Amino acid sequence: MRAREDEVTEEQIQQWADEAEAGYDVDALKRRGRGRPGRGAEPMQVVAVRLTADEIAALDALAEREHLTRSEAIRRALANFAA
């Protein structure tokens, strides 16, 4: 019987158990870090903004044209507005 894509198989469980029994390199796990990498020395804050479908479409078009993410495009727009 074939497992669905979202199901864990007995083989996967056995691989994970074997890996755990062999032990983990704790130093390597600590080096990986958590979350997104920072953009600077100061902590960042998430700000929620409500946009219409047209505003999101315009933002996405701009971001694609400039090869930016949505967040990068918004940050650039704010920097230009504040300058």
Protein backbone atom coordinates (compact mmCIF):
# COMPACT_ATOMS: atom_id res chain seq x y z
CA MET A 1 0.00 0.00 0.00
CA ARG A 2 1.38 3.39 -0.99
CA ALA A 3 1.38 6.25 1.55
CA ARG A 4 -0.18 9.58 0.71
CA GLU A 5 2.21 12.49 0.33
CA ASP A 6 1.33 13.91 3.77
CA GLU A 7 1.56 10.58 5.63
CA VAL A 8 4.62 9.44 7.55
CA THR A 9 5.75 5.96 6.57
CA GLU A 10 7.19 3.25 8.81
CA GLU A 11 10.47 3.63 6.88
CA GLN A 12 10.64 7.35 7.73
CA ILE A 13 9.94 6.63 11.40
CA GLN A 14 12.69 3.99 11.45
CA GLN A 15 15.17 6.40 9.78
CA TRP A 16 14.39 9.10 12.36
CA ALA A 17 14.73 6.61 15.21
CA ASP A 18 18.08 5.38 13.85
CA GLU A 19 19.30 8.96 13.52
CA ALA A 20 18.21 9.80 17.07
CA GLU A 21 19.84 6.68 18.50
CA ALA A 22 23.12 7.53 16.73
CA GLY A 23 23.06 10.93 18.43
CA TYR A 24 23.03 14.50 17.21
CA ASP A 25 25.82 17.05 16.95
CA VAL A 26 24.44 19.62 19.40
CA ASP A 27 26.92 22.31 18.31
CA ALA A 28 25.84 21.94 14.68
CA LEU A 29 22.17 22.20 15.65
CA LYS A 30 22.84 25.37 17.65
CA ARG A 31 24.68 26.98 14.73
CA ARG A 32 21.69 26.66 12.43
CA GLY A 33 19.83 29.51 14.11
CA ARG A 34 16.12 30.09 14.18
CA GLY A 35 13.79 32.27 12.18
CA ARG A 36 14.62 34.69 9.44
CA PRO A 37 18.02 36.29 9.35
CA GLY A 38 18.15 39.82 10.70
CA ARG A 39 18.51 42.86 8.45
CA GLY A 40 20.62 44.86 10.85
CA ALA A 41 21.74 45.33 14.41
CA GLU A 42 18.35 46.53 15.65
CA PRO A 43 15.40 44.22 16.29
CA MET A 44 12.66 44.41 13.68
CA GLN A 45 8.93 44.63 14.21
CA VAL A 46 6.12 43.24 12.08
CA VAL A 47 3.47 45.77 11.07
CA ALA A 48 0.17 44.59 9.58
CA VAL A 49 -1.28 46.72 6.79
CA ARG A 50 -4.63 46.24 5.05
CA LEU A 51 -4.54 46.64 1.27
CA THR A 52 -7.21 46.33 -1.39
CA ALA A 53 -6.92 43.73 -4.13
CA ASP A 54 -5.93 46.51 -6.58
CA GLU A 55 -3.22 47.79 -4.22
CA ILE A 56 -1.81 44.28 -3.80
CA ALA A 57 -1.84 43.77 -7.58
CA ALA A 58 0.04 47.05 -8.09
CA LEU A 59 2.50 46.14 -5.34
CA ASP A 60 3.12 42.68 -6.81
CA ALA A 61 3.59 44.15 -10.30
CA LEU A 62 6.13 46.65 -8.97
CA ALA A 63 7.94 43.99 -6.95
CA GLU A 64 8.16 41.67 -9.96
CA ARG A 65 9.34 44.46 -12.25
CA GLU A 66 12.05 45.47 -9.78
CA HIS A 67 12.92 41.86 -8.79
CA LEU A 68 11.95 42.50 -5.16
CA THR A 69 9.84 40.74 -2.56
CA ARG A 70 6.66 42.45 -1.40
CA SER A 71 8.38 43.43 1.85
CA GLU A 72 11.38 44.90 0.04
CA ALA A 73 9.12 46.92 -2.25
CA ILE A 74 7.15 48.28 0.73
CA ARG A 75 10.34 49.16 2.63
CA ARG A 76 11.70 50.98 -0.43
CA ALA A 77 8.48 52.90 -0.89
CA LEU A 78 8.51 53.95 2.76
CA ALA A 79 12.15 55.01 2.56
CA ASN A 80 11.41 57.12 -0.54
CA PHE A 81 8.33 58.64 1.09
CA ALA A 82 10.22 59.55 4.24
CA ALA A 83 13.20 61.04 2.36
